[in-house]
N, C-alpha and C. Protein backbone atom coordinates (compact mmCIF):
# COMPACT_ATOMS: atom_id res chain seq x y z
N UNK A 1 0.84 -1.18 0.00
CA UNK A 1 0.00 0.00 0.00
C UNK A 1 0.89 1.24 0.00
N UNK A 2 0.65 2.19 -0.93
CA UNK A 2 1.52 3.37 -1.01
C UNK A 2 1.38 4.25 0.23
N UNK A 3 2.47 4.89 0.55
CA UNK A 3 2.51 5.79 1.70
C UNK A 3 1.78 7.10 1.35
N UNK A 4 1.06 7.63 2.33
CA UNK A 4 0.32 8.88 2.13
C UNK A 4 1.28 10.05 2.29
N UNK A 5 1.21 11.01 1.38
CA UNK A 5 2.09 12.17 1.46
C UNK A 5 1.72 13.05 2.65
N UNK A 6 2.65 13.87 3.06
CA UNK A 6 2.42 14.80 4.17
C UNK A 6 1.25 15.73 3.85
N UNK A 7 1.19 16.19 2.61
CA UNK A 7 0.09 17.07 2.21
C UNK A 7 -1.26 16.36 2.30
N UNK A 8 -1.27 15.10 1.89
CA UNK A 8 -2.52 14.33 1.96
C UNK A 8 -2.91 14.08 3.42
N UNK A 9 -1.92 13.83 4.27
CA UNK A 9 -2.21 13.64 5.69
C UNK A 9 -2.83 14.90 6.29
N UNK A 10 -2.28 16.06 5.92
CA UNK A 10 -2.83 17.33 6.42
C UNK A 10 -4.24 17.55 5.90
N UNK A 11 -4.45 17.22 4.64
CA UNK A 11 -5.78 17.35 4.05
C UNK A 11 -6.77 16.41 4.74
N UNK A 12 -6.35 15.18 4.98
CA UNK A 12 -7.21 14.22 5.68
C UNK A 12 -7.55 14.70 7.08
N UNK A 13 -6.56 15.21 7.78
CA UNK A 13 -6.78 15.71 9.14
C UNK A 13 -7.79 16.86 9.12
N UNK A 14 -7.61 17.79 8.20
CA UNK A 14 -8.53 18.93 8.09
C UNK A 14 -9.95 18.44 7.78
N UNK A 15 -10.06 17.43 6.93
CA UNK A 15 -11.39 16.89 6.60
C UNK A 15 -12.04 16.25 7.81
N UNK A 16 -11.26 15.55 8.61
CA UNK A 16 -11.80 14.91 9.82
C UNK A 16 -12.23 15.97 10.83
N UNK A 17 -11.41 17.00 11.02
CA UNK A 17 -11.77 18.07 11.96
C UNK A 17 -13.03 18.79 11.49
N UNK A 18 -13.12 19.08 10.20
CA UNK A 18 -14.31 19.75 9.67
C UNK A 18 -15.55 18.87 9.85
N UNK A 19 -15.41 17.61 9.54
CA UNK A 19 -16.55 16.69 9.71
C UNK A 19 -16.98 16.63 11.17
N UNK A 20 -16.03 16.53 12.07
CA UNK A 20 -16.36 16.49 13.50
C UNK A 20 -16.99 17.79 13.95
N UNK A 21 -16.48 18.90 13.45
CA UNK A 21 -17.02 20.21 13.79
C UNK A 21 -18.49 20.33 13.39
N UNK A 22 -18.80 19.86 12.20
CA UNK A 22 -20.19 19.89 11.72
C UNK A 22 -21.07 18.93 12.52
N UNK A 23 -20.57 17.73 12.73
CA UNK A 23 -21.38 16.71 13.41
C UNK A 23 -21.66 17.05 14.87
N UNK A 24 -20.69 17.63 15.57
CA UNK A 24 -20.97 17.96 16.97
C UNK A 24 -22.00 19.08 17.07
N UNK A 25 -22.02 19.96 16.06
CA UNK A 25 -23.04 21.02 16.07
C UNK A 25 -24.41 20.46 15.68
N UNK A 26 -24.43 19.42 14.87
CA UNK A 26 -25.70 18.80 14.49
C UNK A 26 -26.25 17.89 15.58
N UNK A 27 -25.36 17.09 16.20
CA UNK A 27 -25.81 16.01 17.08
C UNK A 27 -25.41 16.16 18.54
N UNK A 28 -24.42 17.02 18.81
CA UNK A 28 -23.88 17.11 20.16
C UNK A 28 -22.67 16.21 20.31
N UNK A 29 -21.86 16.50 21.30
CA UNK A 29 -20.60 15.77 21.47
C UNK A 29 -20.80 14.30 21.81
N UNK A 30 -21.76 14.00 22.63
CA UNK A 30 -21.95 12.62 23.09
C UNK A 30 -22.48 11.70 21.99
N UNK A 31 -23.17 12.27 21.02
CA UNK A 31 -23.82 11.46 19.99
C UNK A 31 -23.04 11.34 18.69
N UNK A 32 -21.78 11.74 18.72
CA UNK A 32 -20.94 11.66 17.52
C UNK A 32 -19.96 10.51 17.69
N UNK A 33 -19.94 9.64 16.71
CA UNK A 33 -19.02 8.49 16.75
C UNK A 33 -17.87 8.70 15.77
N UNK A 34 -16.79 8.00 16.03
CA UNK A 34 -15.64 8.05 15.13
C UNK A 34 -16.05 7.56 13.75
N UNK A 35 -16.89 6.53 13.68
CA UNK A 35 -17.35 6.03 12.38
C UNK A 35 -18.12 7.10 11.61
N UNK A 36 -18.99 7.84 12.30
CA UNK A 36 -19.77 8.89 11.64
C UNK A 36 -18.86 10.01 11.15
N UNK A 37 -17.88 10.37 11.96
CA UNK A 37 -16.94 11.42 11.57
C UNK A 37 -16.15 10.97 10.35
N UNK A 38 -15.63 9.76 10.38
CA UNK A 38 -14.85 9.23 9.26
C UNK A 38 -15.69 9.18 7.99
N UNK A 39 -16.93 8.72 8.11
CA UNK A 39 -17.81 8.65 6.94
C UNK A 39 -18.08 10.03 6.38
N UNK A 40 -18.36 11.02 7.24
CA UNK A 40 -18.62 12.38 6.76
C UNK A 40 -17.39 12.94 6.06
N UNK A 41 -16.21 12.60 6.57
CA UNK A 41 -14.96 13.09 5.97
C UNK A 41 -14.59 12.32 4.71
N UNK A 42 -15.27 11.20 4.46
CA UNK A 42 -14.96 10.38 3.29
C UNK A 42 -13.68 9.57 3.47
N UNK A 43 -13.38 9.24 4.72
CA UNK A 43 -12.16 8.49 5.03
C UNK A 43 -12.50 7.23 5.81
N UNK A 44 -11.50 6.41 6.00
CA UNK A 44 -11.71 5.18 6.76
C UNK A 44 -11.58 5.44 8.25
N UNK A 45 -12.11 4.54 9.02
CA UNK A 45 -12.02 4.60 10.48
C UNK A 45 -10.56 4.62 10.93
N UNK A 46 -9.73 3.88 10.24
CA UNK A 46 -8.31 3.80 10.58
C UNK A 46 -7.59 5.12 10.44
N UNK A 47 -8.03 5.97 9.53
CA UNK A 47 -7.36 7.26 9.34
C UNK A 47 -7.50 8.13 10.58
N UNK A 48 -8.59 7.97 11.31
CA UNK A 48 -8.79 8.74 12.54
C UNK A 48 -7.67 8.43 13.53
N UNK A 49 -7.42 7.16 13.76
CA UNK A 49 -6.45 6.74 14.77
C UNK A 49 -5.03 7.15 14.42
N UNK A 50 -4.75 7.35 13.15
CA UNK A 50 -3.42 7.81 12.75
C UNK A 50 -3.26 9.30 13.02
N UNK A 51 -4.36 10.02 13.09
CA UNK A 51 -4.31 11.48 13.20
C UNK A 51 -4.51 12.03 14.61
N UNK A 52 -5.25 11.32 15.46
CA UNK A 52 -5.65 11.87 16.75
C UNK A 52 -5.38 10.88 17.88
N UNK A 53 -4.93 11.40 19.00
CA UNK A 53 -4.62 10.56 20.16
C UNK A 53 -5.89 9.95 20.75
N UNK A 54 -7.00 10.68 20.64
CA UNK A 54 -8.26 10.20 21.22
C UNK A 54 -9.43 10.96 20.61
N UNK A 55 -10.61 10.45 20.85
CA UNK A 55 -11.82 11.15 20.40
C UNK A 55 -11.92 12.50 21.10
N UNK A 56 -11.56 12.58 22.37
CA UNK A 56 -11.61 13.84 23.10
C UNK A 56 -10.70 14.88 22.45
N UNK A 57 -9.51 14.46 22.01
CA UNK A 57 -8.59 15.38 21.35
C UNK A 57 -9.20 15.92 20.07
N UNK A 58 -9.85 15.06 19.32
CA UNK A 58 -10.52 15.49 18.10
C UNK A 58 -11.67 16.45 18.42
N UNK A 59 -12.48 16.12 19.42
CA UNK A 59 -13.60 17.00 19.77
C UNK A 59 -13.12 18.38 20.18
N UNK A 60 -12.03 18.44 20.91
CA UNK A 60 -11.47 19.73 21.31
C UNK A 60 -11.07 20.53 20.08
N UNK A 61 -10.37 19.88 19.17
CA UNK A 61 -9.96 20.56 17.94
C UNK A 61 -11.17 20.97 17.10
N UNK A 62 -12.19 20.14 17.09
CA UNK A 62 -13.41 20.44 16.32
C UNK A 62 -14.15 21.64 16.90
N UNK A 63 -14.23 21.73 18.21
CA UNK A 63 -14.88 22.90 18.83
C UNK A 63 -14.10 24.16 18.48
N UNK A 64 -12.79 24.09 18.59
CA UNK A 64 -11.95 25.24 18.25
C UNK A 64 -12.13 25.63 16.78
N UNK A 65 -12.24 24.65 15.91
CA UNK A 65 -12.46 24.93 14.48
C UNK A 65 -13.80 25.60 14.27
N UNK A 66 -14.83 25.13 14.95
CA UNK A 66 -16.16 25.74 14.82
C UNK A 66 -16.13 27.19 15.28
N UNK A 67 -15.45 27.45 16.38
CA UNK A 67 -15.34 28.82 16.90
C UNK A 67 -14.55 29.69 15.91
N UNK A 68 -13.46 29.16 15.38
CA UNK A 68 -12.65 29.92 14.42
C UNK A 68 -13.45 30.24 13.16
N UNK A 69 -14.23 29.29 12.68
CA UNK A 69 -15.05 29.52 11.49
C UNK A 69 -16.08 30.61 11.74
N UNK A 70 -16.71 30.57 12.89
CA UNK A 70 -17.73 31.58 13.21
C UNK A 70 -17.08 32.94 13.39
N UNK A 71 -15.89 32.98 14.03
CA UNK A 71 -15.16 34.23 14.20
C UNK A 71 -14.82 34.84 12.84
N UNK A 72 -14.38 34.02 11.90
CA UNK A 72 -14.07 34.51 10.56
C UNK A 72 -15.31 35.04 9.86
N UNK A 73 -16.44 34.37 10.03
CA UNK A 73 -17.69 34.84 9.43
C UNK A 73 -18.13 36.16 10.05
N UNK A 74 -17.95 36.30 11.36
CA UNK A 74 -18.28 37.56 12.03
C UNK A 74 -17.39 38.68 11.50
N UNK A 75 -16.10 38.41 11.39
CA UNK A 75 -15.17 39.42 10.88
C UNK A 75 -15.55 39.85 9.47
N UNK A 76 -15.92 38.91 8.63
CA UNK A 76 -16.33 39.24 7.26
C UNK A 76 -17.58 40.11 7.28
N UNK A 77 -18.52 39.81 8.16
CA UNK A 77 -19.74 40.61 8.28
C UNK A 77 -19.40 42.02 8.73
N UNK A 78 -18.48 42.15 9.68
CA UNK A 78 -18.06 43.47 10.16
C UNK A 78 -17.43 44.26 9.01
N UNK A 79 -16.58 43.62 8.23
CA UNK A 79 -15.94 44.30 7.10
C UNK A 79 -16.95 44.73 6.06
N UNK A 80 -17.96 43.90 5.81
CA UNK A 80 -18.94 44.20 4.77
C UNK A 80 -20.01 45.20 5.22
N UNK A 81 -20.35 45.19 6.52
CA UNK A 81 -21.50 45.97 6.97
C UNK A 81 -21.15 47.09 7.96
N UNK A 82 -19.91 47.19 8.36
CA UNK A 82 -19.48 48.27 9.24
C UNK A 82 -20.32 48.39 10.50
N UNK A 83 -20.84 49.58 10.74
CA UNK A 83 -21.59 49.84 11.97
C UNK A 83 -22.92 49.09 12.02
N UNK A 84 -23.40 48.60 10.89
CA UNK A 84 -24.63 47.81 10.88
C UNK A 84 -24.39 46.33 11.19
N UNK A 85 -23.13 45.94 11.32
CA UNK A 85 -22.79 44.53 11.52
C UNK A 85 -23.48 43.89 12.72
N UNK A 86 -23.53 44.55 13.89
CA UNK A 86 -24.20 43.89 15.02
C UNK A 86 -25.66 43.53 14.72
N UNK A 87 -26.38 44.41 14.06
CA UNK A 87 -27.77 44.11 13.71
C UNK A 87 -27.86 42.99 12.68
N UNK A 88 -26.97 43.02 11.69
CA UNK A 88 -26.95 41.97 10.67
C UNK A 88 -26.65 40.61 11.33
N UNK A 89 -25.69 40.59 12.24
CA UNK A 89 -25.33 39.35 12.92
C UNK A 89 -26.47 38.82 13.79
N UNK A 90 -27.14 39.71 14.50
CA UNK A 90 -28.27 39.27 15.34
C UNK A 90 -29.41 38.74 14.47
N UNK A 91 -29.67 39.42 13.35
CA UNK A 91 -30.72 38.94 12.45
C UNK A 91 -30.39 37.56 11.90
N UNK A 92 -29.12 37.36 11.52
CA UNK A 92 -28.73 36.03 11.03
C UNK A 92 -28.85 35.00 12.14
N UNK A 93 -28.39 35.35 13.33
CA UNK A 93 -28.40 34.40 14.44
C UNK A 93 -29.80 33.90 14.71
N UNK A 94 -30.77 34.79 14.60
CA UNK A 94 -32.17 34.45 14.89
C UNK A 94 -32.96 34.20 13.61
N UNK A 95 -32.30 33.64 12.62
CA UNK A 95 -32.95 33.37 11.33
C UNK A 95 -33.32 31.90 11.19
N UNK A 96 -34.24 31.64 10.27
CA UNK A 96 -34.59 30.25 9.96
C UNK A 96 -33.40 29.53 9.33
N UNK A 97 -32.59 30.26 8.56
CA UNK A 97 -31.40 29.66 7.96
C UNK A 97 -30.48 29.10 9.04
N UNK A 98 -30.22 29.88 10.08
CA UNK A 98 -29.35 29.42 11.16
C UNK A 98 -30.01 28.28 11.93
N UNK A 99 -31.29 28.42 12.19
CA UNK A 99 -32.04 27.36 12.89
C UNK A 99 -31.91 26.04 12.14
N UNK A 100 -32.03 26.09 10.83
CA UNK A 100 -32.09 24.88 10.01
C UNK A 100 -30.73 24.29 9.66
N UNK A 101 -29.66 25.00 9.95
CA UNK A 101 -28.31 24.55 9.57
C UNK A 101 -27.34 24.59 10.74
N UNK A 102 -27.59 23.82 11.77
CA UNK A 102 -26.70 23.88 12.94
C UNK A 102 -25.26 23.46 12.62
N UNK A 103 -25.05 22.65 11.62
CA UNK A 103 -23.70 22.16 11.31
C UNK A 103 -22.76 23.29 10.92
N UNK A 104 -23.30 24.38 10.40
CA UNK A 104 -22.46 25.51 10.01
C UNK A 104 -22.73 26.74 10.87
N UNK A 105 -23.48 26.55 11.93
CA UNK A 105 -23.86 27.68 12.78
C UNK A 105 -23.00 27.82 14.02
N UNK A 106 -23.55 28.51 14.97
CA UNK A 106 -22.86 28.85 16.21
C UNK A 106 -22.73 27.62 17.12
N UNK A 107 -21.50 27.33 17.52
CA UNK A 107 -21.26 26.20 18.41
C UNK A 107 -21.84 26.43 19.79
N UNK A 108 -21.94 27.68 20.21
CA UNK A 108 -22.48 27.97 21.55
C UNK A 108 -23.90 27.45 21.65
N UNK A 109 -24.73 27.80 20.69
CA UNK A 109 -26.12 27.35 20.72
C UNK A 109 -26.22 25.84 20.50
N UNK A 110 -25.49 25.35 19.52
CA UNK A 110 -25.60 23.94 19.17
C UNK A 110 -25.17 23.01 20.31
N UNK A 111 -24.25 23.47 21.14
CA UNK A 111 -23.70 22.60 22.18
C UNK A 111 -24.18 22.96 23.58
N UNK A 112 -25.07 23.93 23.70
CA UNK A 112 -25.46 24.41 25.03
C UNK A 112 -25.98 23.29 25.92
N UNK A 113 -26.80 22.43 25.41
CA UNK A 113 -27.35 21.35 26.22
C UNK A 113 -26.32 20.31 26.59
N UNK A 114 -25.33 20.12 25.75
CA UNK A 114 -24.30 19.11 25.98
C UNK A 114 -23.18 19.64 26.87
N UNK A 115 -22.92 20.94 26.77
CA UNK A 115 -21.81 21.52 27.54
C UNK A 115 -22.03 21.39 29.04
N UNK A 116 -23.27 21.39 29.45
CA UNK A 116 -23.57 21.29 30.88
C UNK A 116 -23.13 19.96 31.48
N UNK A 117 -23.01 18.94 30.67
CA UNK A 117 -22.66 17.62 31.19
C UNK A 117 -21.23 17.19 30.85
N UNK A 118 -20.48 18.05 30.20
CA UNK A 118 -19.10 17.72 29.83
C UNK A 118 -18.24 17.65 31.09
N UNK A 119 -17.50 16.58 31.22
CA UNK A 119 -16.62 16.44 32.38
C UNK A 119 -15.16 16.72 32.05
N UNK A 120 -14.83 16.78 30.77
CA UNK A 120 -13.47 17.06 30.34
C UNK A 120 -13.21 18.57 30.44
N UNK A 121 -12.22 18.95 31.26
CA UNK A 121 -11.95 20.38 31.49
C UNK A 121 -11.56 21.12 30.21
N UNK A 122 -10.79 20.48 29.34
CA UNK A 122 -10.37 21.14 28.11
C UNK A 122 -11.57 21.42 27.20
N UNK A 123 -12.50 20.47 27.11
CA UNK A 123 -13.70 20.69 26.30
C UNK A 123 -14.56 21.79 26.90
N UNK A 124 -14.71 21.78 28.22
CA UNK A 124 -15.49 22.82 28.88
C UNK A 124 -14.84 24.19 28.67
N UNK A 125 -13.52 24.26 28.79
CA UNK A 125 -12.81 25.52 28.57
C UNK A 125 -13.00 26.02 27.14
N UNK A 126 -12.94 25.12 26.17
CA UNK A 126 -13.15 25.51 24.77
C UNK A 126 -14.55 26.06 24.58
N UNK A 127 -15.53 25.42 25.19
CA UNK A 127 -16.91 25.91 25.10
C UNK A 127 -17.02 27.29 25.76
N UNK A 128 -16.41 27.46 26.91
CA UNK A 128 -16.48 28.76 27.59
C UNK A 128 -15.80 29.86 26.78
N UNK A 129 -14.72 29.53 26.07
CA UNK A 129 -14.09 30.51 25.18
C UNK A 129 -15.04 30.89 24.05
N UNK A 130 -15.79 29.93 23.55
CA UNK A 130 -16.77 30.22 22.49
C UNK A 130 -17.85 31.16 23.03
N UNK A 131 -18.30 30.92 24.25
CA UNK A 131 -19.28 31.82 24.87
C UNK A 131 -18.67 33.22 25.00
N UNK A 132 -17.43 33.29 25.42
CA UNK A 132 -16.74 34.57 25.54
C UNK A 132 -16.65 35.31 24.22
N UNK A 133 -16.39 34.58 23.14
CA UNK A 133 -16.35 35.20 21.81
C UNK A 133 -17.71 35.78 21.43
N UNK A 134 -18.77 35.03 21.71
CA UNK A 134 -20.12 35.51 21.40
C UNK A 134 -20.44 36.75 22.23
N UNK A 135 -20.09 36.73 23.50
CA UNK A 135 -20.30 37.91 24.35
C UNK A 135 -19.53 39.11 23.82
N UNK A 136 -18.29 38.90 23.42
CA UNK A 136 -17.47 39.99 22.89
C UNK A 136 -18.08 40.57 21.62
N UNK A 137 -18.61 39.71 20.75
CA UNK A 137 -19.25 40.20 19.53
C UNK A 137 -20.42 41.12 19.88
N UNK A 138 -21.22 40.72 20.84
CA UNK A 138 -22.38 41.51 21.23
C UNK A 138 -21.92 42.80 21.91
N UNK A 139 -20.93 42.72 22.78
CA UNK A 139 -20.42 43.91 23.46
C UNK A 139 -19.82 44.89 22.47
N UNK A 140 -19.14 44.39 21.44
CA UNK A 140 -18.56 45.26 20.42
C UNK A 140 -19.62 46.06 19.69
N UNK A 141 -20.84 45.58 19.71
CA UNK A 141 -21.95 46.30 19.08
C UNK A 141 -22.52 47.39 19.97
N UNK A 142 -21.89 47.63 21.11
CA UNK A 142 -22.34 48.70 21.99
C UNK A 142 -23.50 48.30 22.89
N UNK A 143 -23.72 47.04 23.06
CA UNK A 143 -24.82 46.56 23.88
C UNK A 143 -24.48 46.68 25.35
N UNK A 144 -25.41 47.22 26.12
CA UNK A 144 -25.20 47.37 27.56
C UNK A 144 -25.34 46.04 28.29
N UNK A 145 -26.20 45.17 27.80
CA UNK A 145 -26.48 43.92 28.48
C UNK A 145 -26.17 42.73 27.58
N UNK A 146 -24.88 42.53 27.32
CA UNK A 146 -24.47 41.44 26.43
C UNK A 146 -24.89 40.09 26.98
N UNK A 147 -24.81 39.90 28.29
CA UNK A 147 -25.19 38.61 28.87
C UNK A 147 -26.66 38.32 28.63
N UNK A 148 -27.50 39.33 28.80
CA UNK A 148 -28.93 39.15 28.56
C UNK A 148 -29.24 38.87 27.11
N UNK A 149 -28.56 39.58 26.21
CA UNK A 149 -28.79 39.37 24.77
C UNK A 149 -28.33 37.98 24.33
N UNK A 150 -27.16 37.56 24.81
CA UNK A 150 -26.67 36.23 24.44
C UNK A 150 -27.63 35.16 24.97
N UNK A 151 -28.07 35.32 26.20
CA UNK A 151 -29.02 34.35 26.76
C UNK A 151 -30.30 34.31 25.94
N UNK A 152 -30.81 35.46 25.54
CA UNK A 152 -32.02 35.52 24.72
C UNK A 152 -31.79 34.87 23.36
N UNK A 153 -30.68 35.19 22.71
CA UNK A 153 -30.41 34.67 21.37
C UNK A 153 -30.22 33.16 21.38
N UNK A 154 -29.38 32.67 22.29
CA UNK A 154 -29.11 31.23 22.35
C UNK A 154 -30.37 30.48 22.74
N UNK A 155 -31.07 30.98 23.73
CA UNK A 155 -32.30 30.31 24.18
C UNK A 155 -33.36 30.28 23.10
N UNK A 156 -33.57 31.40 22.44
CA UNK A 156 -34.58 31.46 21.39
C UNK A 156 -34.22 30.53 20.23
N UNK A 157 -32.94 30.53 19.84
CA UNK A 157 -32.52 29.67 18.73
C UNK A 157 -32.72 28.20 19.07
N UNK A 158 -32.33 27.79 20.26
CA UNK A 158 -32.48 26.39 20.63
C UNK A 158 -33.94 25.99 20.82
N UNK A 159 -34.77 26.89 21.33
CA UNK A 159 -36.20 26.60 21.40
C UNK A 159 -36.80 26.50 20.00
N UNK A 160 -36.35 27.36 19.09
CA UNK A 160 -36.83 27.29 17.70
C UNK A 160 -36.42 25.97 17.05
N UNK A 161 -35.21 25.52 17.33
CA UNK A 161 -34.77 24.23 16.78
C UNK A 161 -35.58 23.08 17.38
N UNK A 162 -35.85 23.16 18.67
CA UNK A 162 -36.58 22.08 19.35
C UNK A 162 -38.04 22.01 18.89
N UNK A 163 -38.59 23.13 18.42
CA UNK A 163 -40.00 23.16 18.01
C UNK A 163 -40.14 23.31 16.50
N UNK A 164 -39.05 23.08 15.76
CA UNK A 164 -39.07 23.20 14.30
C UNK A 164 -40.21 22.36 13.73
N UNK A 165 -40.90 22.93 12.75
CA UNK A 165 -42.03 22.24 12.13
C UNK A 165 -43.36 22.60 12.77
N UNK A 166 -43.30 23.42 13.80
CA UNK A 166 -44.53 23.89 14.44
C UNK A 166 -44.55 25.41 14.36
N UNK A 167 -45.72 26.03 14.55
CA UNK A 167 -45.79 27.49 14.53
C UNK A 167 -44.95 28.15 15.63
N UNK A 168 -44.67 27.41 16.69
CA UNK A 168 -43.88 27.97 17.79
C UNK A 168 -42.48 28.38 17.34
N UNK A 169 -41.89 27.61 16.45
CA UNK A 169 -40.50 27.82 16.05
C UNK A 169 -40.27 29.22 15.51
N UNK A 170 -41.03 29.61 14.52
CA UNK A 170 -40.88 30.94 13.93
C UNK A 170 -41.21 32.03 14.95
N UNK A 171 -42.15 31.76 15.82
CA UNK A 171 -42.52 32.75 16.84
C UNK A 171 -41.38 33.00 17.82
N UNK A 172 -40.66 31.96 18.21
CA UNK A 172 -39.51 32.16 19.09
C UNK A 172 -38.48 33.08 18.44
N UNK A 173 -38.17 32.83 17.17
CA UNK A 173 -37.18 33.65 16.47
C UNK A 173 -37.66 35.09 16.32
N UNK A 174 -38.88 35.27 15.88
CA UNK A 174 -39.42 36.61 15.67
C UNK A 174 -39.52 37.38 16.98
N UNK A 175 -39.99 36.74 18.02
CA UNK A 175 -40.13 37.40 19.32
C UNK A 175 -38.76 37.87 19.84
N UNK A 176 -37.75 37.04 19.70
CA UNK A 176 -36.41 37.42 20.15
C UNK A 176 -35.87 38.58 19.32
N UNK A 177 -36.08 38.56 17.99
CA UNK A 177 -35.63 39.68 17.15
C UNK A 177 -36.32 40.97 17.58
N UNK A 178 -37.61 40.91 17.84
CA UNK A 178 -38.35 42.10 18.27
C UNK A 178 -37.83 42.60 19.62
N UNK A 179 -37.60 41.69 20.54
CA UNK A 179 -37.10 42.09 21.86
C UNK A 179 -35.74 42.77 21.74
N UNK A 180 -34.86 42.23 20.91
CA UNK A 180 -33.55 42.83 20.73
C UNK A 180 -33.65 44.21 20.09
N UNK A 181 -34.54 44.37 19.13
CA UNK A 181 -34.67 45.68 18.47
C UNK A 181 -35.23 46.72 19.42
N UNK A 182 -36.06 46.33 20.37
CA UNK A 182 -36.59 47.28 21.35
C UNK A 182 -35.53 47.69 22.36
N UNK A 183 -34.54 46.85 22.59
CA UNK A 183 -33.50 47.16 23.57
C UNK A 183 -32.50 48.18 23.05
N UNK A 184 -32.45 48.36 21.76
CA UNK A 184 -31.43 49.26 21.18
C UNK A 184 -31.82 50.70 21.30
């Protein structure tokens, strides 16, 4: 069997991290298996073990990747929308698009229910850094009560996801958008 090049190994690793990042946002950390990650990445189960010391190590890297991706998207929004960026970001956060696509959305909301039961300190710290990033984004928009806004946004988004397919879902998103616009 031919040896895999260094470039291919890096590409495979990036694919596994991206797949894990998407899957943990879709399913949560506890419900993601190495087989599912490998399948999403289009690689074999064995490739995982060559790249990562443990599933926990991969999950940590995947959370960091999710946070980095969201940070880059926020930065792009700031560059494109300037002083309107906080409103644009809040509208996106509380959108049906974000509700329906957790794999590419905010890790804070997607993992909120799972983070409470995480016993690994490194994973908990990574999640807390993601919360800090979200708070900083809201504070940068000049918000006096970033903690309240983040709680409203994350809660409304997760309630909308939990009630998707019912009239409640859209109402949670709309109500939160209205509440945020009244606070400004």
